[in-house]
PDB file of N, CA and C in Angstrom:
ATOM      1  N   UNK A   1      78.628  24.560 -54.658  1.00  0.00           N
ATOM      2  CA  UNK A   1      77.649  24.550 -53.123  1.00  0.00           C
ATOM      3  C   UNK A   1      78.702  23.536 -52.755  1.00  0.00           C
ATOM      4  N   UNK A   2      79.381  22.754 -53.560  1.00  0.00           N
ATOM      5  CA  UNK A   2      79.903  21.243 -53.501  1.00  0.00           C
ATOM      6  C   UNK A   2      80.161  21.285 -51.882  1.00  0.00           C
ATOM      7  N   UNK A   3      81.155  21.346 -51.309  1.00  0.00           N
ATOM      8  CA  UNK A   3      81.629  21.893 -49.652  1.00  0.00           C
ATOM      9  C   UNK A   3      80.509  21.697 -48.951  1.00  0.00           C
ATOM     10  N   UNK A   4      79.222  22.789 -49.602  1.00  0.00           N
ATOM     11  CA  UNK A   4      78.114  23.067 -47.828  1.00  0.00           C
ATOM     12  C   UNK A   4      77.504  22.129 -48.175  1.00  0.00           C
ATOM     13  N   UNK A   5      77.051  21.550 -48.821  1.00  0.00           N
ATOM     14  CA  UNK A   5      76.196  19.938 -49.370  1.00  0.00           C
ATOM     15  C   UNK A   5      77.684  18.671 -48.133  1.00  0.00           C
ATOM     16  N   UNK A   6      78.592  18.973 -48.608  1.00  0.00           N
ATOM     17  CA  UNK A   6      79.213  17.951 -47.302  1.00  0.00           C
ATOM     18  C   UNK A   6      79.698  18.470 -46.225  1.00  0.00           C
ATOM     19  N   UNK A   7      78.978  19.542 -45.992  1.00  0.00           N
ATOM     20  CA  UNK A   7      79.817  19.741 -44.627  1.00  0.00           C
ATOM     21  C   UNK A   7      78.211  19.736 -44.266  1.00  0.00           C
ATOM     22  N   UNK A   8      77.313  19.702 -44.144  1.00  0.00           N
ATOM     23  CA  UNK A   8      75.591  19.752 -44.318  1.00  0.00           C
ATOM     24  C   UNK A   8      75.308  17.969 -43.716  1.00  0.00           C
ATOM     25  N   UNK A   9      76.134  17.046 -44.534  1.00  0.00           N
ATOM     26  CA  UNK A   9      76.153  15.837 -44.739  1.00  0.00           C
ATOM     27  C   UNK A   9      76.924  15.360 -43.138  1.00  0.00           C
ATOM     28  N   UNK A  10      78.181  16.004 -43.263  1.00  0.00           N
ATOM     29  CA  UNK A  10      79.209  15.220 -41.796  1.00  0.00           C
ATOM     30  C   UNK A  10      78.226  16.211 -40.285  1.00  0.00           C
ATOM     31  N   UNK A  11      77.571  16.754 -41.083  1.00  0.00           N
ATOM     32  CA  UNK A  11      77.031  17.691 -39.947  1.00  0.00           C
ATOM     33  C   UNK A  11      76.346  16.516 -39.351  1.00  0.00           C
ATOM     34  N   UNK A  12      75.348  15.989 -40.316  1.00  0.00           N
ATOM     35  CA  UNK A  12      74.109  15.091 -39.948  1.00  0.00           C
ATOM     36  C   UNK A  12      74.450  13.673 -39.536  1.00  0.00           C
ATOM     37  N   UNK A  13      75.837  13.205 -39.828  1.00  0.00           N
ATOM     38  CA  UNK A  13      75.915  12.136 -39.873  1.00  0.00           C
ATOM     39  C   UNK A  13      76.742  12.098 -38.148  1.00  0.00           C
ATOM     40  N   UNK A  14      77.124  13.619 -37.804  1.00  0.00           N
ATOM     41  CA  UNK A  14      77.450  13.885 -36.702  1.00  0.00           C
ATOM     42  C   UNK A  14      76.725  13.828 -35.070  1.00  0.00           C
ATOM     43  N   UNK A  15      75.175  14.392 -35.931  1.00  0.00           N
ATOM     44  CA  UNK A  15      73.923  14.296 -35.136  1.00  0.00           C
ATOM     45  C   UNK A  15      73.839  13.107 -34.916  1.00  0.00           C
ATOM     46  N   UNK A  16      73.927  12.243 -35.501  1.00  0.00           N
ATOM     47  CA  UNK A  16      73.131  10.621 -35.851  1.00  0.00           C
ATOM     48  C   UNK A  16      73.476   9.832 -34.605  1.00  0.00           C
ATOM     49  N   UNK A  17      75.443  10.333 -34.411  1.00  0.00           N
ATOM     50  CA  UNK A  17      76.336   9.729 -34.105  1.00  0.00           C
ATOM     51  C   UNK A  17      76.293   9.929 -32.541  1.00  0.00           C
ATOM     52  N   UNK A  18      75.808  10.881 -31.934  1.00  0.00           N
ATOM     53  CA  UNK A  18      75.914  11.917 -30.698  1.00  0.00           C
ATOM     54  C   UNK A  18      74.573  11.496 -31.036  1.00  0.00           C
ATOM     55  N   UNK A  19      72.919  10.692 -31.402  1.00  0.00           N
ATOM     56  CA  UNK A  19      72.106  10.702 -31.096  1.00  0.00           C
ATOM     57  C   UNK A  19      72.092   8.885 -30.528  1.00  0.00           C
ATOM     58  N   UNK A  20      73.072   8.813 -31.327  1.00  0.00           N
ATOM     59  CA  UNK A  20      73.060   7.081 -31.191  1.00  0.00           C
ATOM     60  C   UNK A  20      73.368   6.812 -29.297  1.00  0.00           C
ATOM     61  N   UNK A  21      74.583   7.727 -28.970  1.00  0.00           N
ATOM     62  CA  UNK A  21      75.301   7.873 -27.739  1.00  0.00           C
ATOM     63  C   UNK A  21      74.269   7.856 -26.563  1.00  0.00           C
ATOM     64  N   UNK A  22      73.143   8.704 -27.077  1.00  0.00           N
ATOM     65  CA  UNK A  22      72.088   9.517 -26.353  1.00  0.00           C
ATOM     66  C   UNK A  22      72.744  10.729 -26.061  1.00  0.00           C
ATOM     67  N   UNK A  23      73.784  11.423 -26.518  1.00  0.00           N
ATOM     68  CA  UNK A  23      73.687  12.717 -25.547  1.00  0.00           C
ATOM     69  C   UNK A  23      72.864  13.665 -25.846  1.00  0.00           C
ATOM     70  N   UNK A  24      73.260  13.926 -25.011  1.00  0.00           N
ATOM     71  CA  UNK A  24      71.737  16.170 -24.393  1.00  0.00           C
ATOM     72  C   UNK A  24      72.069  17.151 -25.316  1.00  0.00           C
ATOM     73  N   UNK A  25      73.716  17.101 -25.321  1.00  0.00           N
ATOM     74  CA  UNK A  25      73.667  18.400 -26.664  1.00  0.00           C
ATOM     75  C   UNK A  25      73.590  18.371 -28.124  1.00  0.00           C
ATOM     76  N   UNK A  26      72.736  17.275 -27.866  1.00  0.00           N
ATOM     77  CA  UNK A  26      72.918  17.155 -29.890  1.00  0.00           C
ATOM     78  C   UNK A  26      71.651  18.038 -30.118  1.00  0.00           C
ATOM     79  N   UNK A  27      70.594  18.411 -29.237  1.00  0.00           N
ATOM     80  CA  UNK A  27      69.914  19.525 -29.979  1.00  0.00           C
ATOM     81  C   UNK A  27      70.476  20.724 -30.063  1.00  0.00           C
ATOM     82  N   UNK A  28      71.515  20.959 -29.196  1.00  0.00           N
ATOM     83  CA  UNK A  28      72.138  22.580 -29.235  1.00  0.00           C
ATOM     84  C   UNK A  28      72.969  22.105 -30.447  1.00  0.00           C
ATOM     85  N   UNK A  29      74.136  20.829 -30.640  1.00  0.00           N
ATOM     86  CA  UNK A  29      74.198  20.821 -32.264  1.00  0.00           C
ATOM     87  C   UNK A  29      74.090  21.371 -33.350  1.00  0.00           C
ATOM     88  N   UNK A  30      72.271  21.166 -32.801  1.00  0.00           N
ATOM     89  CA  UNK A  30      71.847  20.799 -34.350  1.00  0.00           C
ATOM     90  C   UNK A  30      71.075  22.087 -34.519  1.00  0.00           C
ATOM     91  N   UNK A  31      70.348  23.227 -32.885  1.00  0.00           N
ATOM     92  CA  UNK A  31      70.604  25.041 -32.911  1.00  0.00           C
ATOM     93  C   UNK A  31      71.439  25.310 -34.296  1.00  0.00           C
ATOM     94  N   UNK A  32      73.496  24.982 -33.545  1.00  0.00           N
ATOM     95  CA  UNK A  32      74.238  25.737 -33.576  1.00  0.00           C
ATOM     96  C   UNK A  32      74.386  25.898 -35.365  1.00  0.00           C
ATOM     97  N   UNK A  33      73.658  24.239 -36.087  1.00  0.00           N
ATOM     98  CA  UNK A  33      74.212  23.828 -37.669  1.00  0.00           C
ATOM     99  C   UNK A  33      73.045  25.088 -37.957  1.00  0.00           C
ATOM    100  N   UNK A  34      71.362  24.563 -37.057  1.00  0.00           N
ATOM    101  CA  UNK A  34      70.686  25.748 -38.383  1.00  0.00           C
ATOM    102  C   UNK A  34      71.532  27.361 -38.064  1.00  0.00           C
ATOM    103  N   UNK A  35      71.775  27.322 -37.056  1.00  0.00           N
ATOM    104  CA  UNK A  35      71.869  29.165 -37.642  1.00  0.00           C
ATOM    105  C   UNK A  35      73.292  29.187 -38.160  1.00  0.00           C
ATOM    106  N   UNK A  36      74.047  28.363 -38.133  1.00  0.00           N
ATOM    107  CA  UNK A  36      74.860  27.624 -39.348  1.00  0.00           C
ATOM    108  C   UNK A  36      74.249  28.485 -41.064  1.00  0.00           C
TER     109      UNK A  36
END
């Protein structure tokens, strides 16, 4: 499950980066992440 953990890490960084830029779609990305 290393790939899964890595993917989660990448997604977390992506969400954090989006949050820093104050992008509204952040919640959508988070919702998709939870769905996956």
